[in-house]
Amino acid sequence: MNLINKMNQVIEVQEKKTINDKGISKTEYTTILKAYAHLDTVWAKDYQTALSSGTQNRIKFTIRFVPLEITNKMHILFKGETYNIKEVYPDYTNHQVIQIMAEKVGI
C-alpha cells in the first residue's frame, strides 16, 4: 500500500514567535501548515534500542513534500498535544514526502 494513502491524521506545524504587547513579552504560536500525516511510533522490537538512545518517546510524522522549510525551532500540534521537532528528513530526490521526528512535550 502506498504511504500517501495511509496519511489520515491531521497535524499542524506551528512556529513560535515572541511579540511585544505594550511592553510585555508574549509567546505566540502561529500555524504555518496543516497537513495529513502518517504516524509511526517505536515498535516493541525496536523499543530496547530506542530506550538506550533516549528516543522511545519520539513519533515519526510523514507528510507530503511541501516547498516550505520545516525546522527544529517549530513544533507539531496533534490531537491537542504538542511535539517538539527534533529532526527533519526531506526527500530531495523524489520530492514526495518529508519525515519529521518529534517528541512529545513534557515527558
C-alpha atoms as a PDB file:
ATOM      1  CA  MET A   1       0.000   0.000   0.000  1.00  0.00           C
ATOM      2  CA  ASN A   2       1.241   3.437  -0.888  1.00  0.00           C
ATOM      3  CA  LEU A   3       2.369   5.529   2.115  1.00  0.00           C
ATOM      4  CA  ILE A   4       0.416   8.566   0.860  1.00  0.00           C
ATOM      5  CA  ASN A   5      -2.801   6.510   1.152  1.00  0.00           C
ATOM      6  CA  LYS A   6      -2.009   5.999   4.865  1.00  0.00           C
ATOM      7  CA  MET A   7      -1.810   9.739   5.607  1.00  0.00           C
ATOM      8  CA  ASN A   8      -5.068  10.051   7.535  1.00  0.00           C
ATOM      9  CA  GLN A   9      -4.175  12.135  10.611  1.00  0.00           C
ATOM     10  CA  VAL A  10      -4.265  15.935  10.542  1.00  0.00           C
ATOM     11  CA  ILE A  11      -1.295  17.748  12.086  1.00  0.00           C
ATOM     12  CA  GLU A  12      -0.400  21.416  12.374  1.00  0.00           C
ATOM     13  CA  VAL A  13       3.154  22.670  12.052  1.00  0.00           C
ATOM     14  CA  GLN A  14       3.486  25.756  14.231  1.00  0.00           C
ATOM     15  CA  GLU A  15       6.065  28.476  14.591  1.00  0.00           C
ATOM     16  CA  LYS A  16       6.793  30.156  17.923  1.00  0.00           C
ATOM     17  CA  LYS A  17       7.066  33.929  17.857  1.00  0.00           C
ATOM     18  CA  THR A  18       7.754  36.347  20.678  1.00  0.00           C
ATOM     19  CA  ILE A  19       5.728  39.518  20.395  1.00  0.00           C
ATOM     20  CA  ASN A  20       5.830  42.726  22.388  1.00  0.00           C
ATOM     21  CA  ASP A  21       2.375  43.636  23.692  1.00  0.00           C
ATOM     22  CA  LYS A  22       2.511  47.035  25.429  1.00  0.00           C
ATOM     23  CA  GLY A  23       5.949  46.307  26.859  1.00  0.00           C
ATOM     24  CA  ILE A  24       5.095  42.746  27.877  1.00  0.00           C
ATOM     25  CA  SER A  25       6.838  39.940  26.028  1.00  0.00           C
ATOM     26  CA  LYS A  26       4.391  37.211  24.996  1.00  0.00           C
ATOM     27  CA  THR A  27       4.878  33.920  23.192  1.00  0.00           C
ATOM     28  CA  GLU A  28       2.510  33.277  20.328  1.00  0.00           C
ATOM     29  CA  TYR A  29       2.139  30.122  18.224  1.00  0.00           C
ATOM     30  CA  THR A  30       1.170  30.501  14.586  1.00  0.00           C
ATOM     31  CA  THR A  31       0.091  27.601  12.394  1.00  0.00           C
ATOM     32  CA  ILE A  32       2.097  27.763   9.168  1.00  0.00           C
ATOM     33  CA  LEU A  33       0.982  24.434   7.710  1.00  0.00           C
ATOM     34  CA  LYS A  34      -1.849  21.948   8.141  1.00  0.00           C
ATOM     35  CA  ALA A  35      -1.178  18.571   6.597  1.00  0.00           C
ATOM     36  CA  TYR A  36      -2.336  14.976   6.533  1.00  0.00           C
ATOM     37  CA  ALA A  37       0.279  12.731   8.083  1.00  0.00           C
ATOM     38  CA  HIS A  38       1.114   9.082   8.610  1.00  0.00           C
ATOM     39  CA  LEU A  39       2.298   8.358  12.170  1.00  0.00           C
ATOM     40  CA  ASP A  40       4.890   5.802  13.132  1.00  0.00           C
ATOM     41  CA  THR A  41       5.892   5.043  16.725  1.00  0.00           C
ATOM     42  CA  VAL A  42       8.646   2.866  18.181  1.00  0.00           C
ATOM     43  CA  TRP A  43       7.743  -0.795  17.712  1.00  0.00           C
ATOM     44  CA  ALA A  44       8.259  -3.314  20.505  1.00  0.00           C
ATOM     45  CA  LYS A  45      11.262  -4.931  18.774  1.00  0.00           C
ATOM     46  CA  ASP A  46      12.942  -1.523  18.466  1.00  0.00           C
ATOM     47  CA  TYR A  47      11.984  -0.341  21.949  1.00  0.00           C
ATOM     48  CA  GLN A  48      15.140  -1.594  23.678  1.00  0.00           C
ATOM     49  CA  THR A  49      17.345   0.199  21.126  1.00  0.00           C
ATOM     50  CA  ALA A  50      15.252   3.362  21.429  1.00  0.00           C
ATOM     51  CA  LEU A  51      15.422   3.140  25.225  1.00  0.00           C
ATOM     52  CA  SER A  52      19.216   3.028  25.177  1.00  0.00           C
ATOM     53  CA  SER A  53      19.393   6.049  22.858  1.00  0.00           C
ATOM     54  CA  GLY A  54      16.650   8.001  24.677  1.00  0.00           C
ATOM     55  CA  THR A  55      14.330   8.161  21.668  1.00  0.00           C
ATOM     56  CA  GLN A  56      11.475   5.940  22.924  1.00  0.00           C
ATOM     57  CA  ASN A  57       9.051   8.891  23.171  1.00  0.00           C
ATOM     58  CA  ARG A  58       9.556  10.012  19.587  1.00  0.00           C
ATOM     59  CA  ILE A  59       6.984   9.782  16.830  1.00  0.00           C
ATOM     60  CA  LYS A  60       7.739   9.903  13.133  1.00  0.00           C
ATOM     61  CA  PHE A  61       5.271  12.054  11.195  1.00  0.00           C
ATOM     62  CA  THR A  62       5.394  11.569   7.418  1.00  0.00           C
ATOM     63  CA  ILE A  63       3.724  14.253   5.299  1.00  0.00           C
ATOM     64  CA  ARG A  64       3.646  15.062   1.599  1.00  0.00           C
ATOM     65  CA  PHE A  65       6.575  17.117   0.399  1.00  0.00           C
ATOM     66  CA  VAL A  66       5.923  20.878   0.694  1.00  0.00           C
ATOM     67  CA  PRO A  67       8.214  23.658  -0.550  1.00  0.00           C
ATOM     68  CA  LEU A  68       8.453  25.050   2.970  1.00  0.00           C
ATOM     69  CA  GLU A  69      11.416  24.814   5.288  1.00  0.00           C
ATOM     70  CA  ILE A  70      10.408  22.961   8.419  1.00  0.00           C
ATOM     71  CA  THR A  71      12.993  23.317  11.196  1.00  0.00           C
ATOM     72  CA  ASN A  72      13.562  22.089  14.748  1.00  0.00           C
ATOM     73  CA  LYS A  73      12.587  25.559  16.006  1.00  0.00           C
ATOM     74  CA  MET A  74       8.976  24.671  15.132  1.00  0.00           C
ATOM     75  CA  HIS A  75       6.651  22.167  16.709  1.00  0.00           C
ATOM     76  CA  ILE A  76       3.715  19.966  15.792  1.00  0.00           C
ATOM     77  CA  LEU A  77       0.230  20.135  17.251  1.00  0.00           C
ATOM     78  CA  PHE A  78      -1.527  16.766  17.034  1.00  0.00           C
ATOM     79  CA  LYS A  79      -4.797  15.921  18.826  1.00  0.00           C
ATOM     80  CA  GLY A  80      -4.252  18.753  21.320  1.00  0.00           C
ATOM     81  CA  GLU A  81      -0.726  17.584  22.196  1.00  0.00           C
ATOM     82  CA  THR A  82       2.461  19.500  21.383  1.00  0.00           C
ATOM     83  CA  TYR A  83       5.510  17.769  19.934  1.00  0.00           C
ATOM     84  CA  ASN A  84       8.933  19.403  19.593  1.00  0.00           C
ATOM     85  CA  ILE A  85      10.516  18.750  16.218  1.00  0.00           C
ATOM     86  CA  LYS A  86      13.871  17.004  16.667  1.00  0.00           C
ATOM     87  CA  GLU A  87      14.880  16.139  13.096  1.00  0.00           C
ATOM     88  CA  VAL A  88      13.505  16.768   9.612  1.00  0.00           C
ATOM     89  CA  TYR A  89      14.282  14.494   6.655  1.00  0.00           C
ATOM     90  CA  PRO A  90      13.046  15.943   3.342  1.00  0.00           C
ATOM     91  CA  ASP A  91      13.135  13.713   0.271  1.00  0.00           C
ATOM     92  CA  TYR A  92      15.140  15.931  -2.079  1.00  0.00           C
ATOM     93  CA  THR A  93      15.394  13.171  -4.691  1.00  0.00           C
ATOM     94  CA  ASN A  94      11.744  12.374  -5.410  1.00  0.00           C
ATOM     95  CA  HIS A  95      10.052  15.318  -3.645  1.00  0.00           C
ATOM     96  CA  GLN A  96       7.289  13.047  -2.391  1.00  0.00           C
ATOM     97  CA  VAL A  97       7.424  13.068   1.416  1.00  0.00           C
ATOM     98  CA  ILE A  98       9.022  14.735   4.406  1.00  0.00           C
ATOM     99  CA  GLN A  99       9.699  12.703   7.535  1.00  0.00           C
ATOM    100  CA  ILE A 100       9.634  14.609  10.813  1.00  0.00           C
ATOM    101  CA  MET A 101      10.910  13.093  14.060  1.00  0.00           C
ATOM    102  CA  ALA A 102       9.207  14.744  17.021  1.00  0.00           C
ATOM    103  CA  GLU A 103       8.992  14.233  20.770  1.00  0.00           C
ATOM    104  CA  LYS A 104       6.013  14.923  22.990  1.00  0.00           C
ATOM    105  CA  VAL A 105       6.487  17.975  25.207  1.00  0.00           C
ATOM    106  CA  GLY A 106       6.504  17.374  28.954  1.00  0.00           C
ATOM    107  CA  ILE A 107       7.657  13.754  29.038  1.00  0.00           C
END
